[in-house]
Amino acid sequence: MNDTDAENVPRFWQSSGLSRLPWLTHGVTERGGGTSAAPFASLNLGLHVGDAAERVRENRGRVATAAGLTLSRMVCGEQVHGSEAAVVTAGDAGRGAAVFSEAIPGVDALVTDAPDLLLTLFFADCLPILLADTEHRVVAVAHAGWRGMVGGVIENTLTTMQRQFGTRAEAIVAAVGPGIRSCCFEVGPEVAEQFPLSMVHQSPGGKPHVDLHGAARLRLLDRGIHSYQIESAELCTACHTERFFSHRRENGRTGRMGAFIALRSA
């Protein structure tokens, strides 16, 4: 590859709370440090957006290497803007990593207690939700657009952790990664009415704007997770397309960031 960014390494947004846990690795990728050409330049991780598959696989491999793993340890979900969560085991290693159709079908959240599995989902304005159970060493990643959030993807992910592994709210460290913020998330009234009034802001003479980050925090709080256990990125993907992909700002023709989390075996 001879692209400008080919010699660069991937860059990540990371949560300070999750970074204090030495037994996991995590991050939300930025758009630099990859091999893809415009309009996917350059660290596009989406196999379904029209980019050359070999470039996407190279980009994903770079991210896996930076996370201390390999592409064969990445596990991806189909992501249907729904609310289903899947428990991932060692036998799922590599699902969806190189071929989109091999991703775990019908899910927007992944949960595991198995080490060295790079749970990875893809984003371009929707919210990445990263969760760690510090008591049982369980990790999860969820994809929360407005449909998934209203449908309960955050609650379903936490319920899966509780039922399968005994996770307690007081043991959770939660991070809401970079996504579109209320400054740019203008919606119609049919969407706004599905959110609490406190999360909807009316622009003068314009349509309502929804605070997805605030809504995600509310849903985490409602499940017994305290405010000090939750970190939320202040970055808006639509405002900062020099750093992030934005489906809305770039008129649907853009790449995808990846949000990943994995337990370390050592």
C-alpha atoms as a PDB file:
ATOM      1  CA  MET A   1       0.000   0.000   0.000  1.00  0.00           C
ATOM      2  CA  ASN A   2       1.314   3.473  -0.884  1.00  0.00           C
ATOM      3  CA  ASP A   3      -1.328   5.670   0.751  1.00  0.00           C
ATOM      4  CA  THR A   4      -0.212   8.620   2.839  1.00  0.00           C
ATOM      5  CA  ASP A   5      -1.268   6.945   6.070  1.00  0.00           C
ATOM      6  CA  ALA A   6       0.210   3.535   5.230  1.00  0.00           C
ATOM      7  CA  GLU A   7       3.189   3.989   7.577  1.00  0.00           C
ATOM      8  CA  ASN A   8       1.059   5.263  10.444  1.00  0.00           C
ATOM      9  CA  VAL A   9      -0.355   3.209  13.263  1.00  0.00           C
ATOM     10  CA  PRO A  10      -4.014   3.246  14.324  1.00  0.00           C
ATOM     11  CA  ARG A  11      -5.054   5.785  16.926  1.00  0.00           C
ATOM     12  CA  PHE A  12      -7.711   5.132  19.552  1.00  0.00           C
ATOM     13  CA  TRP A  13     -10.004   6.981  21.912  1.00  0.00           C
ATOM     14  CA  GLN A  14      -9.758   5.218  25.271  1.00  0.00           C
ATOM     15  CA  SER A  15     -11.668   5.434  28.529  1.00  0.00           C
ATOM     16  CA  SER A  16      -9.646   6.431  31.581  1.00  0.00           C
ATOM     17  CA  GLY A  17     -11.723   4.084  33.755  1.00  0.00           C
ATOM     18  CA  LEU A  18     -11.231   1.049  31.532  1.00  0.00           C
ATOM     19  CA  SER A  19      -7.560   1.941  31.044  1.00  0.00           C
ATOM     20  CA  ARG A  20      -7.017   1.407  34.774  1.00  0.00           C
ATOM     21  CA  LEU A  21      -7.924  -2.283  34.407  1.00  0.00           C
ATOM     22  CA  PRO A  22      -4.703  -4.099  33.443  1.00  0.00           C
ATOM     23  CA  TRP A  23      -6.540  -7.294  32.501  1.00  0.00           C
ATOM     24  CA  LEU A  24      -8.289  -5.868  29.458  1.00  0.00           C
ATOM     25  CA  THR A  25      -7.576  -3.910  26.300  1.00  0.00           C
ATOM     26  CA  HIS A  26     -10.048  -1.582  24.612  1.00  0.00           C
ATOM     27  CA  GLY A  27     -10.482   1.390  22.318  1.00  0.00           C
ATOM     28  CA  VAL A  28     -12.523   3.217  19.705  1.00  0.00           C
ATOM     29  CA  THR A  29     -10.533   3.758  16.522  1.00  0.00           C
ATOM     30  CA  GLU A  30     -10.045   7.103  14.836  1.00  0.00           C
ATOM     31  CA  ARG A  31      -9.949   7.400  11.054  1.00  0.00           C
ATOM     32  CA  GLY A  32      -6.204   7.814  10.491  1.00  0.00           C
ATOM     33  CA  GLY A  33      -3.511   5.168  10.213  1.00  0.00           C
ATOM     34  CA  GLY A  34      -5.062   2.893   7.597  1.00  0.00           C
ATOM     35  CA  THR A  35      -4.809   2.013   3.912  1.00  0.00           C
ATOM     36  CA  SER A  36      -8.223   2.900   2.463  1.00  0.00           C
ATOM     37  CA  ALA A  37      -8.664   5.608  -0.158  1.00  0.00           C
ATOM     38  CA  ALA A  38     -11.265   8.405  -0.131  1.00  0.00           C
ATOM     39  CA  PRO A  39     -14.091   8.508   0.775  1.00  0.00           C
ATOM     40  CA  PHE A  40     -13.056   5.764   3.216  1.00  0.00           C
ATOM     41  CA  ALA A  41      -9.676   7.246   4.103  1.00  0.00           C
ATOM     42  CA  SER A  42      -8.035   5.801   5.849  1.00  0.00           C
ATOM     43  CA  LEU A  43      -8.658   3.337   8.712  1.00  0.00           C
ATOM     44  CA  ASN A  44     -12.023   2.109   7.467  1.00  0.00           C
ATOM     45  CA  LEU A  45     -13.045  -1.088   9.270  1.00  0.00           C
ATOM     46  CA  GLY A  46     -16.420  -1.621   7.556  1.00  0.00           C
ATOM     47  CA  LEU A  47     -16.613  -4.506   5.090  1.00  0.00           C
ATOM     48  CA  HIS A  48     -20.128  -3.489   4.021  1.00  0.00           C
ATOM     49  CA  VAL A  49     -19.633   0.117   2.863  1.00  0.00           C
ATOM     50  CA  GLY A  50     -18.145  -0.385  -0.617  1.00  0.00           C
ATOM     51  CA  ASP A  51     -14.459  -0.207   0.251  1.00  0.00           C
ATOM     52  CA  ALA A  52     -11.999  -2.762  -1.151  1.00  0.00           C
ATOM     53  CA  ALA A  53     -12.181  -5.827   1.084  1.00  0.00           C
ATOM     54  CA  GLU A  54      -8.419  -6.394   1.080  1.00  0.00           C
ATOM     55  CA  ARG A  55      -7.850  -2.884   2.423  1.00  0.00           C
ATOM     56  CA  VAL A  56     -10.436  -3.360   5.153  1.00  0.00           C
ATOM     57  CA  ARG A  57      -8.856  -6.648   6.201  1.00  0.00           C
ATOM     58  CA  GLU A  58      -5.454  -4.952   6.332  1.00  0.00           C
ATOM     59  CA  ASN A  59      -6.929  -2.158   8.455  1.00  0.00           C
ATOM     60  CA  ARG A  60      -8.591  -4.629  10.805  1.00  0.00           C
ATOM     61  CA  GLY A  61      -5.340  -6.528  11.108  1.00  0.00           C
ATOM     62  CA  ARG A  62      -3.544  -3.331  12.113  1.00  0.00           C
ATOM     63  CA  VAL A  63      -6.112  -2.688  14.825  1.00  0.00           C
ATOM     64  CA  ALA A  64      -5.889  -6.255  16.116  1.00  0.00           C
ATOM     65  CA  THR A  65      -2.092  -6.022  16.236  1.00  0.00           C
ATOM     66  CA  ALA A  66      -2.244  -2.718  18.098  1.00  0.00           C
ATOM     67  CA  ALA A  67      -4.587  -4.384  20.594  1.00  0.00           C
ATOM     68  CA  GLY A  68      -2.037  -7.169  21.124  1.00  0.00           C
ATOM     69  CA  LEU A  69      -3.989  -9.828  19.229  1.00  0.00           C
ATOM     70  CA  THR A  70      -4.469 -11.081  15.657  1.00  0.00           C
ATOM     71  CA  LEU A  71      -7.281 -10.796  13.147  1.00  0.00           C
ATOM     72  CA  SER A  72      -8.123 -14.449  13.768  1.00  0.00           C
ATOM     73  CA  ARG A  73      -9.128 -13.501  17.334  1.00  0.00           C
ATOM     74  CA  MET A  74     -11.556 -10.749  16.272  1.00  0.00           C
ATOM     75  CA  VAL A  75     -15.295 -11.450  16.655  1.00  0.00           C
ATOM     76  CA  CYS A  76     -17.910  -9.252  14.958  1.00  0.00           C
ATOM     77  CA  GLY A  77     -21.705  -8.991  15.065  1.00  0.00           C
ATOM     78  CA  GLU A  78     -23.975  -8.369  12.092  1.00  0.00           C
ATOM     79  CA  GLN A  79     -25.412  -5.131  13.575  1.00  0.00           C
ATOM     80  CA  VAL A  80     -29.022  -4.664  12.513  1.00  0.00           C
ATOM     81  CA  HIS A  81     -29.825  -1.587  14.648  1.00  0.00           C
ATOM     82  CA  GLY A  82     -31.547  -3.969  17.037  1.00  0.00           C
ATOM     83  CA  SER A  83     -31.151  -4.850  20.700  1.00  0.00           C
ATOM     84  CA  GLU A  84     -29.970  -8.473  20.832  1.00  0.00           C
ATOM     85  CA  ALA A  85     -26.794  -9.456  22.681  1.00  0.00           C
ATOM     86  CA  ALA A  86     -24.787 -12.636  22.067  1.00  0.00           C
ATOM     87  CA  VAL A  87     -22.486 -14.472  24.472  1.00  0.00           C
ATOM     88  CA  VAL A  88     -19.215 -15.156  22.645  1.00  0.00           C
ATOM     89  CA  THR A  89     -17.059 -18.219  23.373  1.00  0.00           C
ATOM     90  CA  ALA A  90     -13.616 -19.350  22.238  1.00  0.00           C
ATOM     91  CA  GLY A  91     -15.210 -21.225  19.338  1.00  0.00           C
ATOM     92  CA  ASP A  92     -16.406 -17.924  17.852  1.00  0.00           C
ATOM     93  CA  ALA A  93     -12.880 -16.605  17.267  1.00  0.00           C
ATOM     94  CA  GLY A  94     -12.603 -15.053  13.816  1.00  0.00           C
ATOM     95  CA  ARG A  95     -16.335 -14.810  13.090  1.00  0.00           C
ATOM     96  CA  GLY A  96     -16.951 -11.865  10.774  1.00  0.00           C
ATOM     97  CA  ALA A  97     -13.346 -10.695  11.002  1.00  0.00           C
ATOM     98  CA  ALA A  98     -12.483 -11.252   7.332  1.00  0.00           C
ATOM     99  CA  VAL A  99     -15.885 -11.979   5.755  1.00  0.00           C
ATOM    100  CA  PHE A 100     -18.953  -9.866   6.558  1.00  0.00           C
ATOM    101  CA  SER A 101     -21.441 -12.707   6.074  1.00  0.00           C
ATOM    102  CA  GLU A 102     -19.707 -14.778   8.757  1.00  0.00           C
ATOM    103  CA  ALA A 103     -20.457 -12.295  11.558  1.00  0.00           C
ATOM    104  CA  ILE A 104     -22.725 -13.423  14.400  1.00  0.00           C
ATOM    105  CA  PRO A 105     -26.172 -12.773  12.893  1.00  0.00           C
ATOM    106  CA  GLY A 106     -28.840 -10.452  14.221  1.00  0.00           C
ATOM    107  CA  VAL A 107     -26.914  -8.980  17.150  1.00  0.00           C
ATOM    108  CA  ASP A 108     -25.798  -5.497  18.166  1.00  0.00           C
ATOM    109  CA  ALA A 109     -23.908  -6.462  21.328  1.00  0.00           C
ATOM    110  CA  LEU A 110     -21.257  -9.021  22.228  1.00  0.00           C
ATOM    111  CA  VAL A 111     -20.397 -10.346  25.704  1.00  0.00           C
ATOM    112  CA  THR A 112     -17.630 -12.717  26.829  1.00  0.00           C
ATOM    113  CA  ASP A 113     -15.589 -14.038  29.737  1.00  0.00           C
ATOM    114  CA  ALA A 114     -13.179 -15.824  27.354  1.00  0.00           C
ATOM    115  CA  PRO A 115      -9.672 -14.361  27.103  1.00  0.00           C
ATOM    116  CA  ASP A 116      -8.037 -13.109  23.925  1.00  0.00           C
ATOM    117  CA  LEU A 117     -11.250 -12.556  21.967  1.00  0.00           C
ATOM    118  CA  LEU A 118     -11.347  -9.106  20.369  1.00  0.00           C
ATOM    119  CA  LEU A 119     -15.048  -8.203  20.528  1.00  0.00           C
ATOM    120  CA  THR A 120     -15.463  -5.589  17.780  1.00  0.00           C
ATOM    121  CA  LEU A 121     -18.404  -3.591  16.423  1.00  0.00           C
ATOM    122  CA  PHE A 122     -18.441  -0.770  13.860  1.00  0.00           C
ATOM    123  CA  PHE A 123     -19.662   2.825  14.010  1.00  0.00           C
ATOM    124  CA  ALA A 124     -20.086   6.107  12.156  1.00  0.00           C
ATOM    125  CA  ASP A 125     -22.204   8.279  14.528  1.00  0.00           C
ATOM    126  CA  CYS A 126     -23.961   5.607  16.633  1.00  0.00           C
ATOM    127  CA  LEU A 127     -22.683   5.201  20.179  1.00  0.00           C
ATOM    128  CA  PRO A 128     -20.127   2.569  21.184  1.00  0.00           C
ATOM    129  CA  ILE A 129     -20.902   1.238  24.675  1.00  0.00           C
ATOM    130  CA  LEU A 130     -18.027  -0.575  26.397  1.00  0.00           C
ATOM    131  CA  LEU A 131     -18.642  -2.464  29.639  1.00  0.00           C
ATOM    132  CA  ALA A 132     -16.415  -4.373  32.058  1.00  0.00           C
ATOM    133  CA  ASP A 133     -17.428  -6.427  35.093  1.00  0.00           C
ATOM    134  CA  THR A 134     -14.489  -6.007  37.478  1.00  0.00           C
ATOM    135  CA  GLU A 135     -15.694  -8.776  39.791  1.00  0.00           C
ATOM    136  CA  HIS A 136     -16.128 -11.633  37.310  1.00  0.00           C
ATOM    137  CA  ARG A 137     -13.909 -10.288  34.520  1.00  0.00           C
ATOM    138  CA  VAL A 138     -16.567 -10.132  31.846  1.00  0.00           C
ATOM    139  CA  VAL A 139     -16.481  -7.586  29.000  1.00  0.00           C
ATOM    140  CA  ALA A 140     -19.010  -6.370  26.457  1.00  0.00           C
ATOM    141  CA  VAL A 141     -19.402  -3.991  23.540  1.00  0.00           C
ATOM    142  CA  ALA A 142     -22.761  -2.665  22.283  1.00  0.00           C
ATOM    143  CA  HIS A 143     -23.847  -0.661  19.224  1.00  0.00           C
ATOM    144  CA  ALA A 144     -26.405   1.957  20.273  1.00  0.00           C
ATOM    145  CA  GLY A 145     -28.000   4.053  17.587  1.00  0.00           C
ATOM    146  CA  TRP A 146     -31.335   5.634  18.408  1.00  0.00           C
ATOM    147  CA  ARG A 147     -33.279   2.543  17.324  1.00  0.00           C
ATOM    148  CA  GLY A 148     -31.141   0.179  19.339  1.00  0.00           C
ATOM    149  CA  MET A 149     -31.229   2.425  22.363  1.00  0.00           C
ATOM    150  CA  VAL A 150     -35.010   2.733  22.302  1.00  0.00           C
ATOM    151  CA  GLY A 151     -35.199  -1.024  21.726  1.00  0.00           C
ATOM    152  CA  GLY A 152     -33.151  -1.701  24.856  1.00  0.00           C
ATOM    153  CA  VAL A 153     -29.722  -2.780  23.600  1.00  0.00           C
ATOM    154  CA  ILE A 154     -28.013  -1.363  26.690  1.00  0.00           C
ATOM    155  CA  GLU A 155     -30.426  -3.077  29.064  1.00  0.00           C
ATOM    156  CA  ASN A 156     -30.249  -6.366  27.150  1.00  0.00           C
ATOM    157  CA  THR A 157     -26.466  -6.350  27.268  1.00  0.00           C
ATOM    158  CA  LEU A 158     -26.450  -5.790  31.029  1.00  0.00           C
ATOM    159  CA  THR A 159     -29.140  -8.447  31.519  1.00  0.00           C
ATOM    160  CA  THR A 160     -27.072 -10.936  29.515  1.00  0.00           C
ATOM    161  CA  MET A 161     -24.039 -10.206  31.692  1.00  0.00           C
ATOM    162  CA  GLN A 162     -26.099 -10.644  34.847  1.00  0.00           C
ATOM    163  CA  ARG A 163     -27.855 -13.855  33.818  1.00  0.00           C
ATOM    164  CA  GLN A 164     -24.852 -15.576  32.294  1.00  0.00           C
ATOM    165  CA  PHE A 165     -22.104 -14.452  34.636  1.00  0.00           C
ATOM    166  CA  GLY A 166     -23.692 -12.971  37.758  1.00  0.00           C
ATOM    167  CA  THR A 167     -22.626  -9.405  36.987  1.00  0.00           C
ATOM    168  CA  ARG A 168     -23.681  -6.830  39.582  1.00  0.00           C
ATOM    169  CA  ALA A 169     -24.268  -3.174  38.713  1.00  0.00           C
ATOM    170  CA  GLU A 170     -21.846  -1.980  41.374  1.00  0.00           C
ATOM    171  CA  ALA A 171     -19.004  -3.936  39.688  1.00  0.00           C
ATOM    172  CA  ILE A 172     -19.448  -2.331  36.253  1.00  0.00           C
ATOM    173  CA  VAL A 173     -17.107   0.146  34.600  1.00  0.00           C
ATOM    174  CA  ALA A 174     -18.914   1.730  31.645  1.00  0.00           C
ATOM    175  CA  ALA A 175     -17.709   3.918  28.795  1.00  0.00           C
ATOM    176  CA  VAL A 176     -19.767   5.659  26.119  1.00  0.00           C
ATOM    177  CA  GLY A 177     -17.426   6.364  23.239  1.00  0.00           C
ATOM    178  CA  PRO A 178     -17.406   9.071  20.556  1.00  0.00           C
ATOM    179  CA  GLY A 179     -20.643   9.413  18.589  1.00  0.00           C
ATOM    180  CA  ILE A 180     -22.935  12.068  17.235  1.00  0.00           C
ATOM    181  CA  ARG A 181     -23.902  14.581  19.928  1.00  0.00           C
ATOM    182  CA  SER A 182     -27.033  16.667  20.282  1.00  0.00           C
ATOM    183  CA  CYS A 183     -25.453  19.612  18.447  1.00  0.00           C
ATOM    184  CA  CYS A 184     -25.678  17.615  15.212  1.00  0.00           C
ATOM    185  CA  PHE A 185     -28.330  14.959  15.881  1.00  0.00           C
ATOM    186  CA  GLU A 186     -31.413  16.646  14.420  1.00  0.00           C
ATOM    187  CA  VAL A 187     -34.405  14.297  14.242  1.00  0.00           C
ATOM    188  CA  GLY A 188     -38.073  14.295  13.370  1.00  0.00           C
ATOM    189  CA  PRO A 189     -40.797  14.487  16.051  1.00  0.00           C
ATOM    190  CA  GLU A 190     -41.528  10.767  15.655  1.00  0.00           C
ATOM    191  CA  VAL A 191     -37.994  10.008  16.875  1.00  0.00           C
ATOM    192  CA  ALA A 192     -37.839  12.731  19.526  1.00  0.00           C
ATOM    193  CA  GLU A 193     -41.021  11.503  21.221  1.00  0.00           C
ATOM    194  CA  GLN A 194     -39.350   8.182  22.006  1.00  0.00           C
ATOM    195  CA  PHE A 195     -36.837   9.881  24.314  1.00  0.00           C
ATOM    196  CA  PRO A 196     -37.277  11.564  27.702  1.00  0.00           C
ATOM    197  CA  LEU A 197     -38.081  15.269  27.411  1.00  0.00           C
ATOM    198  CA  SER A 198     -34.848  16.096  29.239  1.00  0.00           C
ATOM    199  CA  MET A 199     -32.915  14.500  26.362  1.00  0.00           C
ATOM    200  CA  VAL A 200     -34.641  16.530  23.618  1.00  0.00           C
ATOM    201  CA  HIS A 201     -33.601  20.082  22.742  1.00  0.00           C
ATOM    202  CA  GLN A 202     -35.508  22.253  20.297  1.00  0.00           C
ATOM    203  CA  SER A 203     -33.379  24.440  18.080  1.00  0.00           C
ATOM    204  CA  PRO A 204     -34.861  27.872  17.314  1.00  0.00           C
ATOM    205  CA  GLY A 205     -37.100  27.478  14.285  1.00  0.00           C
ATOM    206  CA  GLY A 206     -35.789  23.997  13.603  1.00  0.00           C
ATOM    207  CA  LYS A 207     -36.332  20.346  14.373  1.00  0.00           C
ATOM    208  CA  PRO A 208     -35.673  18.713  17.725  1.00  0.00           C
ATOM    209  CA  HIS A 209     -32.205  17.487  18.629  1.00  0.00           C
ATOM    210  CA  VAL A 210     -31.687  14.359  20.761  1.00  0.00           C
ATOM    211  CA  ASP A 211     -28.871  13.875  23.276  1.00  0.00           C
ATOM    212  CA  LEU A 212     -27.940  10.225  22.691  1.00  0.00           C
ATOM    213  CA  HIS A 213     -25.037  10.345  25.138  1.00  0.00           C
ATOM    214  CA  GLY A 214     -27.300  11.656  27.871  1.00  0.00           C
ATOM    215  CA  ALA A 215     -29.928   9.040  27.054  1.00  0.00           C
ATOM    216  CA  ALA A 216     -27.335   6.261  27.270  1.00  0.00           C
ATOM    217  CA  ARG A 217     -26.186   7.552  30.664  1.00  0.00           C
ATOM    218  CA  LEU A 218     -29.785   7.614  31.904  1.00  0.00           C
ATOM    219  CA  ARG A 219     -30.309   4.005  30.870  1.00  0.00           C
ATOM    220  CA  LEU A 220     -27.114   2.942  32.636  1.00  0.00           C
ATOM    221  CA  LEU A 221     -28.151   4.840  35.760  1.00  0.00           C
ATOM    222  CA  ASP A 222     -31.585   3.222  35.660  1.00  0.00           C
ATOM    223  CA  ARG A 223     -29.881  -0.171  35.860  1.00  0.00           C
ATOM    224  CA  GLY A 224     -28.135   0.767  39.107  1.00  0.00           C
ATOM    225  CA  ILE A 225     -24.792   1.879  37.686  1.00  0.00           C
ATOM    226  CA  HIS A 226     -23.623   5.002  39.515  1.00  0.00           C
ATOM    227  CA  SER A 227     -22.549   8.158  37.731  1.00  0.00           C
ATOM    228  CA  TYR A 228     -18.934   7.784  38.868  1.00  0.00           C
ATOM    229  CA  GLN A 229     -18.807   4.385  37.118  1.00  0.00           C
ATOM    230  CA  ILE A 230     -19.691   5.919  33.733  1.00  0.00           C
ATOM    231  CA  GLU A 231     -17.411   7.856  31.385  1.00  0.00           C
ATOM    232  CA  SER A 232     -18.764   9.586  28.293  1.00  0.00           C
ATOM    233  CA  ALA A 233     -16.676  10.953  25.435  1.00  0.00           C
ATOM    234  CA  GLU A 234     -17.251  14.641  24.829  1.00  0.00           C
ATOM    235  CA  LEU A 235     -16.363  14.294  21.149  1.00  0.00           C
ATOM    236  CA  CYS A 236     -18.986  14.616  18.401  1.00  0.00           C
ATOM    237  CA  THR A 237     -18.226  12.487  15.350  1.00  0.00           C
ATOM    238  CA  ALA A 238     -20.190  14.796  13.040  1.00  0.00           C
ATOM    239  CA  CYS A 239     -18.253  17.850  14.253  1.00  0.00           C
ATOM    240  CA  HIS A 240     -14.868  16.177  13.927  1.00  0.00           C
ATOM    241  CA  THR A 241     -14.738  14.355  10.604  1.00  0.00           C
ATOM    242  CA  GLU A 242     -10.989  14.989  10.528  1.00  0.00           C
ATOM    243  CA  ARG A 243     -10.789  12.381  13.324  1.00  0.00           C
ATOM    244  CA  PHE A 244     -13.909  10.238  12.943  1.00  0.00           C
ATOM    245  CA  PHE A 245     -16.232   8.856  10.278  1.00  0.00           C
ATOM    246  CA  SER A 246     -19.725  10.391  10.282  1.00  0.00           C
ATOM    247  CA  HIS A 247     -22.535   8.823   8.271  1.00  0.00           C
ATOM    248  CA  ARG A 248     -24.663  11.924   8.687  1.00  0.00           C
ATOM    249  CA  ARG A 249     -22.060  14.623   8.010  1.00  0.00           C
ATOM    250  CA  GLU A 250     -20.572  12.730   5.063  1.00  0.00           C
ATOM    251  CA  ASN A 251     -23.931  11.948   3.441  1.00  0.00           C
ATOM    252  CA  GLY A 252     -23.754   8.218   4.000  1.00  0.00           C
ATOM    253  CA  ARG A 253     -20.606   7.677   1.929  1.00  0.00           C
ATOM    254  CA  THR A 254     -17.904   7.033   4.495  1.00  0.00           C
ATOM    255  CA  GLY A 255     -16.060   4.392   6.476  1.00  0.00           C
ATOM    256  CA  ARG A 256     -16.576   2.872   9.909  1.00  0.00           C
ATOM    257  CA  MET A 257     -14.633   3.126  13.144  1.00  0.00           C
ATOM    258  CA  GLY A 258     -14.320   0.085  15.354  1.00  0.00           C
ATOM    259  CA  ALA A 259     -14.989  -0.209  19.082  1.00  0.00           C
ATOM    260  CA  PHE A 260     -13.196  -3.164  20.616  1.00  0.00           C
ATOM    261  CA  ILE A 261     -12.668  -4.767  23.992  1.00  0.00           C
ATOM    262  CA  ALA A 262     -10.856  -7.953  25.019  1.00  0.00           C
ATOM    263  CA  LEU A 263      -9.749  -9.772  28.134  1.00  0.00           C
ATOM    264  CA  ARG A 264      -6.016 -10.382  28.341  1.00  0.00           C
ATOM    265  CA  SER A 265      -4.912 -13.952  28.950  1.00  0.00           C
ATOM    266  CA  ALA A 266      -1.786 -12.957  30.856  1.00  0.00           C
END
